[in-house]
Amino acid sequence: MLKTRMRRIANAGKAAVERLAAIEASLTNLGNEDLLDLADIFRTEPRRVLGDMAFAEMARRNISL
């Protein structure tokens, strides 16, 4: 039972990492206008993780609100 539980926890962690990678890829694939719209939605302080990711991508592209 412990092995099954550990395997389930490991699989859940792997799935979470895969979802995060998919979210990061989606942000990278957004056009500039869509990225700016997303950043505008999440610009309030304190910024959430998605907002931080959007602003990091904006910095990489050298664009700003």
Protein backbone atom coordinates (compact mmCIF):
# COMPACT_ATOMS: atom_id res chain seq x y z
CA MET A 1 0.00 0.00 0.00
CA LEU A 2 2.83 2.39 0.79
CA LYS A 3 4.43 1.76 -2.61
CA THR A 4 1.11 2.47 -4.34
CA ARG A 5 0.70 5.68 -2.38
CA MET A 6 4.25 6.81 -3.11
CA ARG A 7 3.77 6.02 -6.79
CA ARG A 8 0.52 8.04 -6.82
CA ILE A 9 2.24 11.01 -5.15
CA ALA A 10 5.13 10.81 -7.63
CA ASN A 11 2.70 10.68 -10.55
CA ALA A 12 0.79 13.69 -9.22
CA GLY A 13 4.05 15.64 -8.93
CA LYS A 14 5.04 14.66 -12.45
CA ALA A 15 1.63 15.74 -13.78
CA ALA A 16 1.94 19.10 -11.99
CA VAL A 17 5.36 19.69 -13.55
CA GLU A 18 3.98 18.83 -16.99
CA ARG A 19 1.05 21.24 -16.53
CA LEU A 20 3.42 24.01 -15.47
CA ALA A 21 5.58 23.39 -18.53
CA ALA A 22 2.47 23.56 -20.73
CA ILE A 23 1.45 26.87 -19.14
CA GLU A 24 4.94 28.32 -19.68
CA ALA A 25 4.90 27.16 -23.30
CA SER A 26 1.49 28.77 -23.79
CA LEU A 27 2.79 32.08 -22.46
CA THR A 28 5.80 31.90 -24.73
CA ASN A 29 3.57 31.25 -27.74
CA LEU A 30 1.28 34.22 -27.09
CA GLY A 31 1.49 37.15 -29.44
CA ASN A 32 2.64 40.49 -28.04
CA GLU A 33 -0.87 41.96 -27.82
CA ASP A 34 -2.26 38.90 -26.04
CA LEU A 35 0.70 38.84 -23.67
CA LEU A 36 0.15 42.51 -22.84
CA ASP A 37 -3.54 41.84 -22.20
CA LEU A 38 -2.66 38.98 -19.84
CA ALA A 39 -0.09 41.09 -18.00
CA ASP A 40 -2.62 43.89 -17.66
CA ILE A 41 -5.06 41.50 -15.99
CA PHE A 42 -2.43 40.27 -13.50
CA ARG A 43 -0.57 43.54 -12.89
CA THR A 44 -1.98 44.23 -9.40
CA GLU A 45 0.37 43.88 -6.45
CA PRO A 46 1.16 41.48 -4.99
CA ARG A 47 1.52 39.76 -8.32
CA ARG A 48 0.51 36.13 -8.63
CA VAL A 49 2.65 33.49 -10.29
CA LEU A 50 0.93 33.83 -13.65
CA GLY A 51 1.53 37.58 -13.57
CA ASP A 52 5.19 37.06 -12.74
CA MET A 53 5.51 34.66 -15.64
CA ALA A 54 3.83 37.13 -18.02
CA PHE A 55 6.05 40.01 -16.90
CA ALA A 56 9.16 37.84 -17.22
CA GLU A 57 8.18 36.99 -20.80
CA MET A 58 7.54 40.67 -21.50
CA ALA A 59 11.00 41.52 -20.19
CA ARG A 60 12.52 38.82 -22.40
CA ARG A 61 10.75 40.35 -25.43
CA ASN A 62 11.62 43.90 -24.31
CA ILE A 63 7.98 45.09 -24.30
CA SER A 64 6.05 46.87 -21.56
CA LEU A 65 2.54 47.97 -20.67
